[in-house]
């Protein structure tokens, strides 16, 4: 995972390894999170969109799927949490790997506004990102 999910270095495996577990297939609007990484990169997230083929995921990542929450709202919340270094603070540490599990992730308190407000927040964030992208292009 970088800023987005990089699909240029994929491994192809036989679908039989999934043992008919369709929950292991990535879905549009899934959030992928690095659950085992260096302390600086643990908790890094990517948002899944525009899937062209069936894909699954390997170890050291977890998939977050939302039910009654705008998935982009949660993605931006988790991204903010990562950039503030808060995942690094709650991760457990083995020899060289920091880990976040679903228990520690589940203990994070997330303020959830009504769905319409979540959408308004997402729209505003994306409007600002668009403006920043235009400024960056103008400077180059």
N, C-alpha and C. Protein backbone atom coordinates (compact mmCIF):
# COMPACT_ATOMS: atom_id res chain seq x y z
N UNK A 1 0.83 -1.18 0.00
CA UNK A 1 0.00 0.00 0.00
C UNK A 1 0.87 1.24 0.00
N UNK A 2 0.54 2.11 -0.89
CA UNK A 2 1.16 3.42 -0.89
C UNK A 2 0.03 4.41 -0.61
N UNK A 3 -0.03 5.50 -1.35
CA UNK A 3 -1.17 6.40 -1.16
C UNK A 3 -2.46 5.72 -1.61
N UNK A 4 -2.34 4.93 -2.65
CA UNK A 4 -3.44 4.11 -3.15
C UNK A 4 -2.95 2.68 -3.21
N UNK A 5 -3.85 1.77 -3.50
CA UNK A 5 -3.46 0.38 -3.63
C UNK A 5 -2.70 0.21 -4.94
N UNK A 6 -1.48 -0.27 -4.90
CA UNK A 6 -0.65 -0.46 -6.08
C UNK A 6 -0.87 -1.87 -6.60
N UNK A 7 -1.42 -1.97 -7.81
CA UNK A 7 -1.74 -3.28 -8.39
C UNK A 7 -0.73 -3.71 -9.43
N UNK A 8 0.45 -3.11 -9.43
CA UNK A 8 1.46 -3.44 -10.43
C UNK A 8 2.31 -4.65 -10.07
N UNK A 9 2.22 -5.13 -8.84
CA UNK A 9 3.08 -6.23 -8.39
C UNK A 9 2.22 -7.31 -7.73
N UNK A 10 1.30 -7.88 -8.50
CA UNK A 10 0.38 -8.87 -7.95
C UNK A 10 0.93 -10.28 -8.08
N UNK A 11 0.52 -11.13 -7.19
CA UNK A 11 0.80 -12.56 -7.29
C UNK A 11 -0.50 -13.22 -7.70
N UNK A 12 -0.41 -14.18 -8.58
CA UNK A 12 -1.60 -14.91 -9.04
C UNK A 12 -1.57 -16.31 -8.44
N UNK A 13 -2.65 -16.67 -7.78
CA UNK A 13 -2.74 -17.99 -7.16
C UNK A 13 -4.01 -18.67 -7.65
N UNK A 14 -4.04 -19.97 -7.52
CA UNK A 14 -5.23 -20.72 -7.88
C UNK A 14 -6.34 -20.41 -6.88
N UNK A 15 -7.55 -20.25 -7.38
CA UNK A 15 -8.68 -19.88 -6.53
C UNK A 15 -8.97 -20.95 -5.47
N UNK A 16 -8.50 -22.16 -5.65
CA UNK A 16 -8.74 -23.23 -4.68
C UNK A 16 -8.12 -22.91 -3.32
N UNK A 17 -7.10 -22.05 -3.29
CA UNK A 17 -6.48 -21.68 -2.02
C UNK A 17 -7.43 -20.90 -1.12
N UNK A 18 -8.46 -20.33 -1.71
CA UNK A 18 -9.44 -19.57 -0.92
C UNK A 18 -10.42 -20.49 -0.21
N UNK A 19 -10.45 -21.76 -0.59
CA UNK A 19 -11.33 -22.75 0.04
C UNK A 19 -12.78 -22.28 0.06
N UNK A 20 -13.23 -21.75 -1.10
CA UNK A 20 -14.62 -21.30 -1.28
C UNK A 20 -15.04 -20.22 -0.28
N UNK A 21 -14.11 -19.47 0.25
CA UNK A 21 -14.43 -18.40 1.19
C UNK A 21 -14.52 -17.07 0.43
N UNK A 22 -15.72 -16.73 -0.02
CA UNK A 22 -15.89 -15.51 -0.82
C UNK A 22 -15.66 -14.25 0.01
N UNK A 23 -15.64 -14.35 1.34
CA UNK A 23 -15.33 -13.19 2.17
C UNK A 23 -13.89 -12.72 1.99
N UNK A 24 -13.06 -13.58 1.40
CA UNK A 24 -11.67 -13.22 1.16
C UNK A 24 -11.49 -12.42 -0.14
N UNK A 25 -12.59 -12.23 -0.90
CA UNK A 25 -12.51 -11.43 -2.11
C UNK A 25 -12.70 -9.96 -1.76
N UNK A 26 -11.87 -9.11 -2.35
CA UNK A 26 -12.02 -7.68 -2.14
C UNK A 26 -13.29 -7.19 -2.80
N UNK A 27 -13.93 -6.23 -2.17
CA UNK A 27 -15.15 -5.63 -2.70
C UNK A 27 -14.93 -4.13 -2.86
N UNK A 28 -15.71 -3.54 -3.77
CA UNK A 28 -15.70 -2.09 -3.90
C UNK A 28 -15.98 -1.47 -2.54
N UNK A 29 -15.27 -0.44 -2.21
CA UNK A 29 -15.38 0.33 -0.98
C UNK A 29 -14.87 -0.39 0.26
N UNK A 30 -14.13 -1.47 0.08
CA UNK A 30 -13.41 -2.06 1.21
C UNK A 30 -12.27 -1.12 1.59
N UNK A 31 -11.86 -1.21 2.83
CA UNK A 31 -10.68 -0.49 3.31
C UNK A 31 -9.66 -1.55 3.67
N UNK A 32 -8.47 -1.45 3.11
CA UNK A 32 -7.38 -2.37 3.45
C UNK A 32 -6.47 -1.64 4.43
N UNK A 33 -6.10 -2.33 5.49
CA UNK A 33 -5.21 -1.73 6.49
C UNK A 33 -4.01 -2.65 6.73
N UNK A 34 -2.85 -2.06 6.77
CA UNK A 34 -1.64 -2.79 7.11
C UNK A 34 -1.69 -3.12 8.60
N UNK A 35 -1.79 -4.41 8.92
CA UNK A 35 -1.93 -4.80 10.32
C UNK A 35 -0.61 -5.27 10.94
N UNK A 36 0.40 -5.49 10.12
CA UNK A 36 1.73 -5.87 10.62
C UNK A 36 2.76 -5.22 9.71
N UNK A 37 3.56 -4.36 10.28
CA UNK A 37 4.50 -3.59 9.47
C UNK A 37 5.50 -2.94 10.42
N UNK A 38 6.31 -2.04 9.89
CA UNK A 38 7.16 -1.25 10.78
C UNK A 38 6.25 -0.35 11.62
N UNK A 39 6.73 0.13 12.71
CA UNK A 39 5.93 1.00 13.57
C UNK A 39 5.44 2.23 12.80
N UNK A 40 6.24 2.73 11.88
CA UNK A 40 5.85 3.91 11.11
C UNK A 40 4.75 3.62 10.10
N UNK A 41 4.64 2.38 9.62
CA UNK A 41 3.68 2.07 8.56
C UNK A 41 2.48 1.24 9.01
N UNK A 42 2.49 0.74 10.24
CA UNK A 42 1.37 -0.05 10.70
C UNK A 42 0.13 0.84 10.77
N UNK A 43 -0.98 0.34 10.24
CA UNK A 43 -2.22 1.10 10.22
C UNK A 43 -2.44 1.90 8.95
N UNK A 44 -1.48 1.84 8.03
CA UNK A 44 -1.65 2.56 6.77
C UNK A 44 -2.83 1.95 6.02
N UNK A 45 -3.64 2.78 5.40
CA UNK A 45 -4.87 2.31 4.76
C UNK A 45 -4.91 2.66 3.28
N UNK A 46 -5.69 1.88 2.55
CA UNK A 46 -5.99 2.16 1.15
C UNK A 46 -7.47 1.88 0.94
N UNK A 47 -8.07 2.62 0.02
CA UNK A 47 -9.49 2.49 -0.28
C UNK A 47 -9.63 1.74 -1.59
N UNK A 48 -10.51 0.76 -1.61
CA UNK A 48 -10.68 -0.08 -2.80
C UNK A 48 -11.80 0.49 -3.68
N UNK A 49 -11.45 0.75 -4.92
CA UNK A 49 -12.44 1.16 -5.89
C UNK A 49 -11.97 0.74 -7.28
N UNK A 50 -12.90 0.59 -8.16
CA UNK A 50 -12.61 0.22 -9.54
C UNK A 50 -11.89 -1.12 -9.66
N UNK A 51 -12.42 -2.14 -9.02
CA UNK A 51 -11.83 -3.48 -9.13
C UNK A 51 -12.19 -4.04 -10.50
N UNK A 52 -11.18 -4.46 -11.23
CA UNK A 52 -11.39 -5.01 -12.57
C UNK A 52 -11.50 -6.52 -12.56
N UNK A 53 -10.85 -7.17 -11.59
CA UNK A 53 -10.82 -8.63 -11.51
C UNK A 53 -11.05 -9.06 -10.07
N UNK A 54 -11.38 -10.34 -9.90
CA UNK A 54 -11.48 -10.85 -8.54
C UNK A 54 -10.10 -10.81 -7.90
N UNK A 55 -10.05 -10.33 -6.68
CA UNK A 55 -8.79 -10.24 -5.94
C UNK A 55 -9.02 -10.66 -4.51
N UNK A 56 -8.00 -11.23 -3.92
CA UNK A 56 -8.02 -11.54 -2.50
C UNK A 56 -6.84 -10.82 -1.87
N UNK A 57 -6.61 -11.05 -0.63
CA UNK A 57 -5.53 -10.35 0.06
C UNK A 57 -4.71 -11.35 0.83
N UNK A 58 -3.47 -11.00 1.10
CA UNK A 58 -2.57 -11.88 1.81
C UNK A 58 -2.48 -11.55 3.28
N UNK A 59 -1.42 -12.02 3.87
CA UNK A 59 -1.20 -11.78 5.29
C UNK A 59 -0.76 -10.34 5.54
N UNK A 60 -0.76 -9.97 6.78
CA UNK A 60 -0.28 -8.68 7.25
C UNK A 60 -1.19 -7.51 6.87
N UNK A 61 -2.39 -7.82 6.36
CA UNK A 61 -3.38 -6.78 6.11
C UNK A 61 -4.72 -7.26 6.66
N UNK A 62 -5.59 -6.29 6.95
CA UNK A 62 -6.96 -6.64 7.31
C UNK A 62 -7.89 -5.83 6.42
N UNK A 63 -9.05 -6.38 6.20
CA UNK A 63 -10.06 -5.72 5.39
C UNK A 63 -11.15 -5.21 6.32
N UNK A 64 -11.56 -3.98 6.11
CA UNK A 64 -12.64 -3.38 6.89
C UNK A 64 -13.78 -3.10 5.93
N UNK A 65 -14.94 -3.64 6.26
CA UNK A 65 -16.15 -3.40 5.48
C UNK A 65 -17.18 -2.74 6.37
N UNK A 66 -17.78 -1.69 5.87
CA UNK A 66 -18.75 -0.96 6.66
C UNK A 66 -20.17 -1.44 6.35
N UNK A 67 -21.04 -1.27 7.32
CA UNK A 67 -22.45 -1.61 7.12
C UNK A 67 -23.30 -0.34 7.09
N UNK A 68 -23.33 0.39 8.18
CA UNK A 68 -24.18 1.57 8.29
C UNK A 68 -23.38 2.86 8.39
N UNK A 69 -22.15 2.81 7.92
CA UNK A 69 -21.26 3.97 7.95
C UNK A 69 -20.76 4.19 6.52
N UNK A 70 -20.66 5.44 6.13
CA UNK A 70 -20.08 5.76 4.83
C UNK A 70 -18.63 5.28 4.84
N UNK A 71 -18.28 4.38 3.92
CA UNK A 71 -16.95 3.78 3.95
C UNK A 71 -15.84 4.80 3.72
N UNK A 72 -16.10 5.79 2.90
CA UNK A 72 -15.08 6.84 2.70
C UNK A 72 -14.91 7.68 3.97
N UNK A 73 -15.98 7.92 4.70
CA UNK A 73 -15.89 8.64 5.97
C UNK A 73 -14.96 7.88 6.92
N UNK A 74 -15.19 6.57 7.06
CA UNK A 74 -14.35 5.76 7.93
C UNK A 74 -12.92 5.73 7.42
N UNK A 75 -12.73 5.61 6.11
CA UNK A 75 -11.40 5.61 5.52
C UNK A 75 -10.65 6.89 5.89
N UNK A 76 -11.29 8.05 5.72
CA UNK A 76 -10.62 9.31 6.05
C UNK A 76 -10.35 9.42 7.54
N UNK A 77 -11.24 8.90 8.37
CA UNK A 77 -11.00 8.90 9.81
C UNK A 77 -9.76 8.05 10.13
N UNK A 78 -9.70 6.84 9.57
CA UNK A 78 -8.57 5.95 9.83
C UNK A 78 -7.28 6.53 9.27
N UNK A 79 -7.36 7.16 8.12
CA UNK A 79 -6.19 7.79 7.51
C UNK A 79 -5.66 8.89 8.42
N UNK A 80 -6.54 9.68 8.97
CA UNK A 80 -6.16 10.74 9.91
C UNK A 80 -5.50 10.13 11.15
N UNK A 81 -6.08 9.06 11.66
CA UNK A 81 -5.54 8.36 12.82
C UNK A 81 -4.10 7.90 12.52
N UNK A 82 -3.89 7.36 11.31
CA UNK A 82 -2.56 6.90 10.89
C UNK A 82 -1.58 8.07 10.83
N UNK A 83 -1.98 9.16 10.15
CA UNK A 83 -1.06 10.29 9.97
C UNK A 83 -0.71 10.96 11.28
N UNK A 84 -1.56 10.85 12.28
CA UNK A 84 -1.24 11.40 13.60
C UNK A 84 -0.34 10.46 14.40
N UNK A 85 -0.02 9.29 13.86
CA UNK A 85 0.84 8.33 14.55
C UNK A 85 0.14 7.56 15.65
N UNK A 86 -1.19 7.56 15.65
CA UNK A 86 -1.91 6.92 16.74
C UNK A 86 -1.93 5.39 16.64
N UNK A 87 -1.88 4.85 15.42
CA UNK A 87 -1.79 3.39 15.29
C UNK A 87 -0.46 2.90 15.84
N UNK A 88 0.59 3.65 15.58
CA UNK A 88 1.92 3.27 16.09
C UNK A 88 1.91 3.21 17.61
N UNK A 89 1.12 4.07 18.24
CA UNK A 89 1.07 4.09 19.71
C UNK A 89 0.30 2.91 20.29
N UNK A 90 -0.72 2.42 19.58
CA UNK A 90 -1.51 1.32 20.14
C UNK A 90 -1.06 -0.05 19.66
N UNK A 91 -0.14 -0.08 18.69
CA UNK A 91 0.32 -1.36 18.14
C UNK A 91 1.19 -2.10 19.15
N UNK A 92 1.06 -3.42 19.15
CA UNK A 92 1.99 -4.23 19.94
C UNK A 92 3.25 -4.41 19.09
N UNK A 93 4.35 -4.70 19.75
CA UNK A 93 5.63 -4.78 19.04
C UNK A 93 6.27 -6.13 19.29
N UNK A 94 6.65 -6.82 18.19
CA UNK A 94 7.49 -8.00 18.31
C UNK A 94 8.89 -7.56 17.90
N UNK A 95 9.75 -8.46 17.53
CA UNK A 95 11.14 -8.11 17.25
C UNK A 95 11.27 -6.88 16.36
N UNK A 96 10.77 -6.96 15.13
CA UNK A 96 10.87 -5.82 14.22
C UNK A 96 9.52 -5.44 13.62
N UNK A 97 8.45 -6.02 14.10
CA UNK A 97 7.13 -5.83 13.50
C UNK A 97 6.17 -5.25 14.52
N UNK A 98 5.47 -4.20 14.12
CA UNK A 98 4.38 -3.65 14.94
C UNK A 98 3.09 -4.28 14.43
N UNK A 99 2.19 -4.61 15.33
CA UNK A 99 0.95 -5.29 14.97
C UNK A 99 -0.27 -4.58 15.53
N UNK A 100 -1.31 -4.53 14.72
CA UNK A 100 -2.62 -4.08 15.16
C UNK A 100 -3.57 -5.23 14.90
N UNK A 101 -4.37 -5.59 15.90
CA UNK A 101 -5.35 -6.64 15.68
C UNK A 101 -6.75 -6.06 15.77
N UNK A 102 -7.74 -6.89 15.48
CA UNK A 102 -9.12 -6.41 15.47
C UNK A 102 -9.58 -5.98 16.86
N UNK A 103 -9.00 -6.56 17.91
CA UNK A 103 -9.38 -6.17 19.27
C UNK A 103 -8.93 -4.73 19.53
N UNK A 104 -7.65 -4.43 19.25
CA UNK A 104 -7.16 -3.07 19.49
C UNK A 104 -7.84 -2.07 18.56
N UNK A 105 -8.13 -2.48 17.35
CA UNK A 105 -8.84 -1.61 16.42
C UNK A 105 -10.26 -1.34 16.91
N UNK A 106 -10.90 -2.36 17.45
CA UNK A 106 -12.26 -2.22 17.95
C UNK A 106 -12.38 -1.33 19.17
N UNK A 107 -11.27 -1.05 19.84
CA UNK A 107 -11.30 -0.19 21.03
C UNK A 107 -11.20 1.30 20.69
N UNK A 108 -10.98 1.61 19.42
CA UNK A 108 -10.90 3.01 19.02
C UNK A 108 -12.30 3.61 18.99
N UNK A 109 -12.46 4.72 19.68
CA UNK A 109 -13.75 5.39 19.68
C UNK A 109 -13.82 6.30 18.45
N UNK A 110 -14.84 6.08 17.65
CA UNK A 110 -15.02 6.85 16.43
C UNK A 110 -16.34 7.61 16.53
N UNK A 111 -16.28 8.93 16.52
CA UNK A 111 -17.53 9.69 16.54
C UNK A 111 -18.23 9.55 15.19
N UNK A 112 -19.45 9.04 15.22
CA UNK A 112 -20.18 8.78 13.98
C UNK A 112 -21.37 9.73 13.88
N UNK A 113 -21.27 10.72 13.00
CA UNK A 113 -22.42 11.60 12.80
C UNK A 113 -23.48 10.90 11.93
N UNK A 114 -24.65 11.50 11.76
CA UNK A 114 -25.65 10.93 10.88
C UNK A 114 -25.08 10.74 9.46
N UNK A 115 -25.65 9.81 8.73
CA UNK A 115 -25.15 9.46 7.40
C UNK A 115 -25.07 10.67 6.47
N UNK A 116 -26.05 11.55 6.53
CA UNK A 116 -26.03 12.74 5.67
C UNK A 116 -24.84 13.64 6.00
N UNK A 117 -24.50 13.75 7.28
CA UNK A 117 -23.35 14.55 7.70
C UNK A 117 -22.04 13.87 7.30
N UNK A 118 -22.00 12.54 7.39
CA UNK A 118 -20.81 11.80 6.93
C UNK A 118 -20.55 12.12 5.46
N UNK A 119 -21.62 12.08 4.64
CA UNK A 119 -21.48 12.36 3.22
C UNK A 119 -21.03 13.79 2.97
N UNK A 120 -21.56 14.73 3.74
CA UNK A 120 -21.15 16.14 3.61
C UNK A 120 -19.66 16.29 3.94
N UNK A 121 -19.21 15.62 4.98
CA UNK A 121 -17.80 15.68 5.38
C UNK A 121 -16.92 15.08 4.28
N UNK A 122 -17.31 13.93 3.76
CA UNK A 122 -16.55 13.28 2.68
C UNK A 122 -16.49 14.20 1.46
N UNK A 123 -17.61 14.79 1.09
CA UNK A 123 -17.63 15.69 -0.07
C UNK A 123 -16.69 16.87 0.13
N UNK A 124 -16.68 17.44 1.32
CA UNK A 124 -15.81 18.58 1.61
C UNK A 124 -14.34 18.17 1.56
N UNK A 125 -14.00 17.02 2.14
CA UNK A 125 -12.62 16.53 2.11
C UNK A 125 -12.18 16.34 0.66
N UNK A 126 -13.02 15.72 -0.15
CA UNK A 126 -12.65 15.45 -1.54
C UNK A 126 -12.58 16.74 -2.36
N UNK A 127 -13.41 17.72 -2.03
CA UNK A 127 -13.33 19.01 -2.70
C UNK A 127 -11.98 19.68 -2.39
N UNK A 128 -11.58 19.61 -1.14
CA UNK A 128 -10.28 20.19 -0.75
C UNK A 128 -9.14 19.45 -1.43
N UNK A 129 -9.19 18.12 -1.48
CA UNK A 129 -8.14 17.34 -2.16
C UNK A 129 -8.07 17.72 -3.63
N UNK A 130 -9.21 17.93 -4.28
CA UNK A 130 -9.23 18.33 -5.68
C UNK A 130 -8.55 19.69 -5.85
N UNK A 131 -8.87 20.62 -4.97
CA UNK A 131 -8.25 21.95 -5.03
C UNK A 131 -6.75 21.86 -4.81
N UNK A 132 -6.32 21.04 -3.86
CA UNK A 132 -4.88 20.87 -3.60
C UNK A 132 -4.19 20.26 -4.81
N UNK A 133 -4.84 19.30 -5.46
CA UNK A 133 -4.28 18.70 -6.67
C UNK A 133 -4.11 19.71 -7.78
N UNK A 134 -5.09 20.59 -7.94
CA UNK A 134 -5.00 21.64 -8.96
C UNK A 134 -3.86 22.61 -8.65
N UNK A 135 -3.71 22.97 -7.39
CA UNK A 135 -2.60 23.86 -6.99
C UNK A 135 -1.26 23.18 -7.26
N UNK A 136 -1.17 21.91 -6.89
CA UNK A 136 0.09 21.18 -7.11
C UNK A 136 0.43 21.10 -8.59
N UNK A 137 -0.55 20.82 -9.44
CA UNK A 137 -0.30 20.76 -10.89
C UNK A 137 0.12 22.12 -11.42
N UNK A 138 -0.49 23.18 -10.91
CA UNK A 138 -0.15 24.53 -11.36
C UNK A 138 1.29 24.92 -10.99
N UNK A 139 1.78 24.36 -9.89
CA UNK A 139 3.14 24.69 -9.43
C UNK A 139 4.21 23.93 -10.22
N UNK A 140 3.82 22.87 -10.89
CA UNK A 140 4.81 22.07 -11.65
C UNK A 140 4.78 22.44 -13.07
